[in-house]
Amino acid sequence: MALRKSDILLLTVALQAAALALLLLHGRGEVDRRLPRIAEETRMVEAMGLTDLCLFTDARYTRNPAVADRSTPFQDGPMTLDHFPSASILPPPPHLRAGP
């Protein structure tokens, strides 16, 4: 059975709509799963009067791990020495410390 071009288009649109629906469901589940941590962080920010979490003030990539630029530590080269000592204190993110 040969598919017409319109059938291929409709099939493609249907598959993409299904993928979008799955992504939206996954996102909603992640929000529900992370609500306790978000509430805890909100309480901490309100108690300390912070506008943003600031762990260190020297290096751009150690200021806020949530918005750190992944390539920033290597902007001078992967084998260069780090100019900022706080980078050796900040541990890797939890998803990198977890086993496979």
C-alpha atoms as a PDB file:
ATOM      1  CA  MET A   1       0.000   0.000   0.000  1.00  0.00           C
ATOM      2  CA  ALA A   2       1.540   3.290  -1.069  1.00  0.00           C
ATOM      3  CA  LEU A   3       1.114   6.310   1.130  1.00  0.00           C
ATOM      4  CA  ARG A   4       0.103   9.596  -0.370  1.00  0.00           C
ATOM      5  CA  LYS A   5       2.018  12.731   0.555  1.00  0.00           C
ATOM      6  CA  SER A   6      -0.964  13.964   2.568  1.00  0.00           C
ATOM      7  CA  ASP A   7      -0.991  10.691   4.561  1.00  0.00           C
ATOM      8  CA  ILE A   8       2.699  11.100   5.364  1.00  0.00           C
ATOM      9  CA  LEU A   9       2.072  14.692   6.482  1.00  0.00           C
ATOM     10  CA  LEU A  10      -0.832  13.674   8.731  1.00  0.00           C
ATOM     11  CA  LEU A  11       1.181  10.812  10.210  1.00  0.00           C
ATOM     12  CA  THR A  12       4.121  13.149  10.905  1.00  0.00           C
ATOM     13  CA  VAL A  13       1.866  15.744  12.538  1.00  0.00           C
ATOM     14  CA  ALA A  14       0.179  13.066  14.666  1.00  0.00           C
ATOM     15  CA  LEU A  15       3.529  11.657  15.833  1.00  0.00           C
ATOM     16  CA  GLN A  16       4.830  15.111  16.698  1.00  0.00           C
ATOM     17  CA  ALA A  17       1.624  15.939  18.593  1.00  0.00           C
ATOM     18  CA  ALA A  18       1.979  12.695  20.568  1.00  0.00           C
ATOM     19  CA  ALA A  19       5.619  13.508  21.357  1.00  0.00           C
ATOM     20  CA  LEU A  20       4.639  17.003  22.509  1.00  0.00           C
ATOM     21  CA  ALA A  21       1.906  15.568  24.743  1.00  0.00           C
ATOM     22  CA  LEU A  22       4.406  13.161  26.325  1.00  0.00           C
ATOM     23  CA  LEU A  23       6.883  15.993  26.929  1.00  0.00           C
ATOM     24  CA  LEU A  24       4.190  18.106  28.595  1.00  0.00           C
ATOM     25  CA  LEU A  25       3.149  15.201  30.826  1.00  0.00           C
ATOM     26  CA  HIS A  26       6.763  14.552  31.787  1.00  0.00           C
ATOM     27  CA  GLY A  27       7.292  18.234  32.601  1.00  0.00           C
ATOM     28  CA  ARG A  28       4.214  18.314  34.803  1.00  0.00           C
ATOM     29  CA  GLY A  29       5.455  15.239  36.683  1.00  0.00           C
ATOM     30  CA  GLU A  30       8.860  16.862  37.240  1.00  0.00           C
ATOM     31  CA  VAL A  31       7.237  19.996  38.659  1.00  0.00           C
ATOM     32  CA  ASP A  32       5.180  17.912  41.087  1.00  0.00           C
ATOM     33  CA  ARG A  33       8.258  15.912  42.104  1.00  0.00           C
ATOM     34  CA  ARG A  34      10.344  19.012  42.797  1.00  0.00           C
ATOM     35  CA  LEU A  35       7.718  21.047  44.676  1.00  0.00           C
ATOM     36  CA  PRO A  36       9.101  20.211  48.171  1.00  0.00           C
ATOM     37  CA  ARG A  37      12.601  21.394  47.238  1.00  0.00           C
ATOM     38  CA  ILE A  38      11.256  24.527  45.553  1.00  0.00           C
ATOM     39  CA  ALA A  39       9.245  25.329  48.686  1.00  0.00           C
ATOM     40  CA  GLU A  40      12.335  24.818  50.879  1.00  0.00           C
ATOM     41  CA  GLU A  41      14.451  27.076  48.675  1.00  0.00           C
ATOM     42  CA  THR A  42      11.692  29.704  48.631  1.00  0.00           C
ATOM     43  CA  ARG A  43      11.623  29.745  52.442  1.00  0.00           C
ATOM     44  CA  MET A  44      15.425  30.116  52.558  1.00  0.00           C
ATOM     45  CA  VAL A  45      15.407  32.975  50.051  1.00  0.00           C
ATOM     46  CA  GLU A  46      12.627  34.789  51.926  1.00  0.00           C
ATOM     47  CA  ALA A  47      14.362  34.285  55.305  1.00  0.00           C
ATOM     48  CA  MET A  48      17.700  35.617  54.034  1.00  0.00           C
ATOM     49  CA  GLY A  49      16.257  38.279  51.766  1.00  0.00           C
ATOM     50  CA  LEU A  50      18.196  37.031  48.753  1.00  0.00           C
ATOM     51  CA  THR A  51      17.431  37.882  45.171  1.00  0.00           C
ATOM     52  CA  ASP A  52      19.538  34.965  43.900  1.00  0.00           C
ATOM     53  CA  LEU A  53      21.627  32.257  45.506  1.00  0.00           C
ATOM     54  CA  CYS A  54      25.246  33.416  45.567  1.00  0.00           C
ATOM     55  CA  LEU A  55      27.737  30.830  46.814  1.00  0.00           C
ATOM     56  CA  PHE A  56      30.916  32.598  45.741  1.00  0.00           C
ATOM     57  CA  THR A  57      31.636  35.978  44.266  1.00  0.00           C
ATOM     58  CA  ASP A  58      34.812  35.452  42.301  1.00  0.00           C
ATOM     59  CA  ALA A  59      34.265  33.131  39.340  1.00  0.00           C
ATOM     60  CA  ARG A  60      31.305  33.496  37.020  1.00  0.00           C
ATOM     61  CA  TYR A  61      30.636  29.749  36.951  1.00  0.00           C
ATOM     62  CA  THR A  62      30.624  29.410  40.767  1.00  0.00           C
ATOM     63  CA  ARG A  63      28.129  32.173  41.477  1.00  0.00           C
ATOM     64  CA  ASN A  64      24.960  30.192  40.819  1.00  0.00           C
ATOM     65  CA  PRO A  65      25.195  26.540  39.721  1.00  0.00           C
ATOM     66  CA  ALA A  66      21.669  26.672  38.292  1.00  0.00           C
ATOM     67  CA  VAL A  67      22.664  29.186  35.620  1.00  0.00           C
ATOM     68  CA  ALA A  68      26.346  28.379  35.266  1.00  0.00           C
ATOM     69  CA  ASP A  69      27.765  28.254  31.792  1.00  0.00           C
ATOM     70  CA  ARG A  70      29.066  24.729  31.145  1.00  0.00           C
ATOM     71  CA  SER A  71      31.913  25.922  28.965  1.00  0.00           C
ATOM     72  CA  THR A  72      33.068  28.747  31.249  1.00  0.00           C
ATOM     73  CA  PRO A  73      35.648  26.708  33.225  1.00  0.00           C
ATOM     74  CA  PHE A  74      37.317  25.762  29.958  1.00  0.00           C
ATOM     75  CA  GLN A  75      37.260  29.138  28.241  1.00  0.00           C
ATOM     76  CA  ASP A  76      41.049  29.370  28.511  1.00  0.00           C
ATOM     77  CA  GLY A  77      41.670  25.710  27.737  1.00  0.00           C
ATOM     78  CA  PRO A  78      40.876  22.384  29.421  1.00  0.00           C
ATOM     79  CA  MET A  79      44.349  21.933  30.935  1.00  0.00           C
ATOM     80  CA  THR A  80      44.910  25.480  32.192  1.00  0.00           C
ATOM     81  CA  LEU A  81      45.070  26.221  35.898  1.00  0.00           C
ATOM     82  CA  ASP A  82      41.989  27.650  37.529  1.00  0.00           C
ATOM     83  CA  HIS A  83      42.353  31.284  38.542  1.00  0.00           C
ATOM     84  CA  PHE A  84      39.724  31.104  41.275  1.00  0.00           C
ATOM     85  CA  PRO A  85      40.218  28.966  44.411  1.00  0.00           C
ATOM     86  CA  SER A  86      36.490  28.586  45.106  1.00  0.00           C
ATOM     87  CA  ALA A  87      36.137  26.264  42.119  1.00  0.00           C
ATOM     88  CA  SER A  88      38.046  23.612  44.064  1.00  0.00           C
ATOM     89  CA  ILE A  89      35.623  23.917  46.997  1.00  0.00           C
ATOM     90  CA  LEU A  90      32.370  23.654  45.032  1.00  0.00           C
ATOM     91  CA  PRO A  91      31.493  19.972  44.508  1.00  0.00           C
ATOM     92  CA  PRO A  92      30.247  18.647  41.171  1.00  0.00           C
ATOM     93  CA  PRO A  93      26.466  18.686  40.648  1.00  0.00           C
ATOM     94  CA  PRO A  94      24.553  15.717  42.138  1.00  0.00           C
ATOM     95  CA  HIS A  95      23.685  14.272  38.728  1.00  0.00           C
ATOM     96  CA  LEU A  96      27.406  13.955  37.962  1.00  0.00           C
ATOM     97  CA  ARG A  97      28.216  12.372  41.330  1.00  0.00           C
ATOM     98  CA  ALA A  98      25.514   9.708  40.997  1.00  0.00           C
ATOM     99  CA  GLY A  99      26.580   6.361  39.636  1.00  0.00           C
ATOM    100  CA  PRO A 100      25.442   5.024  36.274  1.00  0.00           C
END
